[in-house]
C-alpha atoms as a PDB file:
ATOM      1  CA  SER A   1      32.465 -37.807  18.346  1.00  0.00           C
ATOM      2  CA  ASP A   2      34.980 -37.457  21.180  1.00  0.00           C
ATOM      3  CA  LEU A   3      33.598 -40.579  22.851  1.00  0.00           C
ATOM      4  CA  SER A   4      34.351 -42.846  19.878  1.00  0.00           C
ATOM      5  CA  ALA A   5      38.024 -42.683  20.896  1.00  0.00           C
ATOM      6  CA  VAL A   6      37.431 -43.669  24.528  1.00  0.00           C
ATOM      7  CA  LYS A   7      37.870 -47.448  24.337  1.00  0.00           C
ATOM      8  CA  ASN A   8      41.519 -48.165  25.075  1.00  0.00           C
ATOM      9  CA  LYS A   9      42.559 -44.783  23.727  1.00  0.00           C
ATOM     10  CA  GLY A  10      41.410 -41.610  25.399  1.00  0.00           C
ATOM     11  CA  ILE A  11      39.716 -38.269  25.384  1.00  0.00           C
ATOM     12  CA  GLN A  12      41.659 -35.074  24.867  1.00  0.00           C
ATOM     13  CA  LEU A  13      40.862 -32.760  27.772  1.00  0.00           C
ATOM     14  CA  ARG A  14      39.580 -29.403  26.552  1.00  0.00           C
ATOM     15  CA  LYS A  15      38.188 -26.419  28.417  1.00  0.00           C
ATOM     16  CA  ASP A  16      34.721 -26.994  26.908  1.00  0.00           C
ATOM     17  CA  LEU A  17      34.579 -30.807  27.265  1.00  0.00           C
ATOM     18  CA  PHE A  18      32.249 -30.705  30.284  1.00  0.00           C
ATOM     19  CA  ASP A  19      30.217 -27.621  29.357  1.00  0.00           C
ATOM     20  CA  LEU A  20      27.061 -29.703  28.880  1.00  0.00           C
ATOM     21  CA  ASP A  21      27.650 -31.874  31.973  1.00  0.00           C
ATOM     22  CA  ALA A  22      29.638 -34.880  33.142  1.00  0.00           C
ATOM     23  CA  LEU A  23      30.518 -37.779  30.887  1.00  0.00           C
ATOM     24  CA  VAL A  24      28.672 -40.752  32.408  1.00  0.00           C
ATOM     25  CA  PHE A  25      29.405 -44.379  31.526  1.00  0.00           C
ATOM     26  CA  ASP A  26      27.037 -47.162  32.632  1.00  0.00           C
ATOM     27  CA  GLY A  27      27.132 -50.954  32.537  1.00  0.00           C
ATOM     28  CA  GLY A  28      30.532 -51.399  34.199  1.00  0.00           C
ATOM     29  CA  GLN A  29      32.339 -50.562  30.976  1.00  0.00           C
ATOM     30  CA  ILE A  30      35.041 -48.484  32.704  1.00  0.00           C
ATOM     31  CA  ARG A  31      37.404 -50.724  34.692  1.00  0.00           C
ATOM     32  CA  GLN A  32      40.400 -48.406  34.541  1.00  0.00           C
ATOM     33  CA  ALA A  33      40.848 -44.717  33.763  1.00  0.00           C
ATOM     34  CA  GLY A  34      43.780 -42.407  33.914  1.00  0.00           C
ATOM     35  CA  ILE A  35      45.378 -39.115  33.090  1.00  0.00           C
ATOM     36  CA  VAL A  36      48.541 -38.909  31.024  1.00  0.00           C
ATOM     37  CA  MET A  37      50.981 -36.070  30.633  1.00  0.00           C
ATOM     38  CA  PRO A  38      51.357 -34.319  27.255  1.00  0.00           C
ATOM     39  CA  ASP A  39      54.392 -36.538  26.533  1.00  0.00           C
ATOM     40  CA  GLY A  40      52.238 -39.673  27.058  1.00  0.00           C
ATOM     41  CA  SER A  41      53.697 -40.703  30.424  1.00  0.00           C
ATOM     42  CA  ASP A  42      51.291 -41.842  33.137  1.00  0.00           C
ATOM     43  CA  TYR A  43      50.285 -39.176  35.649  1.00  0.00           C
ATOM     44  CA  LEU A  44      47.518 -41.057  37.470  1.00  0.00           C
ATOM     45  CA  THR A  45      45.655 -44.340  36.975  1.00  0.00           C
ATOM     46  CA  LEU A  46      42.411 -45.276  38.721  1.00  0.00           C
ATOM     47  CA  LEU A  47      41.704 -49.031  38.913  1.00  0.00           C
ATOM     48  CA  CYS A  48      38.004 -49.573  39.534  1.00  0.00           C
ATOM     49  CA  ASP A  49      36.851 -52.949  38.240  1.00  0.00           C
ATOM     50  CA  GLY A  50      33.375 -53.884  39.488  1.00  0.00           C
ATOM     51  CA  PHE A  51      31.792 -50.421  39.623  1.00  0.00           C
ATOM     52  CA  PRO A  52      28.612 -50.224  37.526  1.00  0.00           C
ATOM     53  CA  ASN A  53      28.916 -46.515  36.693  1.00  0.00           C
ATOM     54  CA  PHE A  54      31.704 -44.033  36.088  1.00  0.00           C
ATOM     55  CA  GLY A  55      31.690 -40.254  35.840  1.00  0.00           C
ATOM     56  CA  ILE A  56      34.264 -37.854  34.439  1.00  0.00           C
ATOM     57  CA  TRP A  57      33.628 -34.175  35.070  1.00  0.00           C
ATOM     58  CA  ALA A  58      35.055 -30.781  35.938  1.00  0.00           C
ATOM     59  CA  ALA A  59      33.469 -27.567  37.134  1.00  0.00           C
ATOM     60  CA  PRO A  60      33.527 -24.795  34.497  1.00  0.00           C
ATOM     61  CA  GLY A  61      36.914 -23.081  34.566  1.00  0.00           C
ATOM     62  CA  ALA A  62      38.296 -25.472  37.184  1.00  0.00           C
ATOM     63  CA  PRO A  63      41.978 -26.463  37.018  1.00  0.00           C
ATOM     64  CA  PHE A  64      41.119 -30.144  37.678  1.00  0.00           C
ATOM     65  CA  VAL A  65      39.172 -33.100  36.325  1.00  0.00           C
ATOM     66  CA  CYS A  66      37.348 -35.686  38.460  1.00  0.00           C
ATOM     67  CA  LEU A  67      37.463 -39.422  37.735  1.00  0.00           C
ATOM     68  CA  GLU A  68      34.766 -41.098  39.847  1.00  0.00           C
ATOM     69  CA  PRO A  69      33.733 -44.758  40.052  1.00  0.00           C
ATOM     70  CA  TRP A  70      30.081 -44.869  41.106  1.00  0.00           C
ATOM     71  CA  CYS A  71      27.625 -47.443  42.472  1.00  0.00           C
ATOM     72  CA  GLY A  72      24.557 -45.605  41.258  1.00  0.00           C
ATOM     73  CA  ARG A  73      24.151 -42.188  39.749  1.00  0.00           C
ATOM     74  CA  CYS A  74      21.885 -39.254  39.036  1.00  0.00           C
ATOM     75  CA  ASP A  75      18.550 -39.740  37.302  1.00  0.00           C
ATOM     76  CA  ASN A  76      18.316 -40.012  33.556  1.00  0.00           C
ATOM     77  CA  PHE A  77      16.847 -36.901  31.962  1.00  0.00           C
ATOM     78  CA  GLY A  78      13.086 -36.957  32.409  1.00  0.00           C
ATOM     79  CA  TYR A  79      12.988 -39.720  35.044  1.00  0.00           C
ATOM     80  CA  GLU A  80       9.887 -39.260  37.206  1.00  0.00           C
ATOM     81  CA  GLY A  81       9.685 -42.593  39.044  1.00  0.00           C
ATOM     82  CA  GLU A  82      10.102 -43.431  42.701  1.00  0.00           C
ATOM     83  CA  LEU A  83      13.517 -43.567  44.350  1.00  0.00           C
ATOM     84  CA  GLN A  84      13.314 -47.324  44.986  1.00  0.00           C
ATOM     85  CA  ASP A  85      12.558 -47.939  41.281  1.00  0.00           C
ATOM     86  CA  LYS A  86      15.473 -45.895  39.996  1.00  0.00           C
ATOM     87  CA  PRO A  87      17.907 -47.863  37.774  1.00  0.00           C
ATOM     88  CA  GLY A  88      21.038 -48.811  39.707  1.00  0.00           C
ATOM     89  CA  ILE A  89      19.603 -47.978  43.132  1.00  0.00           C
ATOM     90  CA  ASN A  90      21.334 -49.693  46.060  1.00  0.00           C
ATOM     91  CA  SER A  91      19.590 -50.631  49.280  1.00  0.00           C
ATOM     92  CA  LEU A  92      20.614 -52.460  52.435  1.00  0.00           C
ATOM     93  CA  ASN A  93      18.687 -54.167  55.170  1.00  0.00           C
ATOM     94  CA  VAL A  94      19.326 -53.229  58.791  1.00  0.00           C
ATOM     95  CA  ASP A  95      22.841 -54.304  59.882  1.00  0.00           C
ATOM     96  CA  GLU A  96      24.003 -55.045  56.313  1.00  0.00           C
ATOM     97  CA  THR A  97      27.253 -53.569  55.001  1.00  0.00           C
ATOM     98  CA  PHE A  98      28.231 -52.491  51.494  1.00  0.00           C
ATOM     99  CA  LYS A  99      31.886 -52.188  50.530  1.00  0.00           C
ATOM    100  CA  LYS A 100      33.636 -51.351  47.247  1.00  0.00           C
ATOM    101  CA  VAL A 101      37.333 -50.728  46.716  1.00  0.00           C
ATOM    102  CA  TYR A 102      39.321 -48.894  44.061  1.00  0.00           C
ATOM    103  CA  SER A 103      43.027 -48.072  43.732  1.00  0.00           C
ATOM    104  CA  ILE A 104      44.819 -44.931  42.622  1.00  0.00           C
ATOM    105  CA  VAL A 105      48.305 -45.311  41.157  1.00  0.00           C
ATOM    106  CA  ILE A 106      50.408 -42.147  40.885  1.00  0.00           C
ATOM    107  CA  GLY A 107      52.938 -42.052  38.056  1.00  0.00           C
ATOM    108  CA  GLY A 108      53.951 -45.127  36.113  1.00  0.00           C
END
């Protein structure tokens, strides 16, 4: 499958790659993602250590791809539970703050 090449290698972007939906990675396994030019040089690198989820997607026919570190995500297919019981849900008490940081490096 295309995803077997993800770890420390990559996914070849194709027009039909996201036809079924976004590629979603859970468990904090994506700490860095990037886009390289056809010659292999770095175009963009996203450094996002500490985010539990990561999504890669594009709208059909769009001339872009989205690399998104997430702290929570959409429901798994068929999930019918309550919002507060959803895996990965975040909640804060009154006056609490939640902060996450990522970096985007352009070029190499």
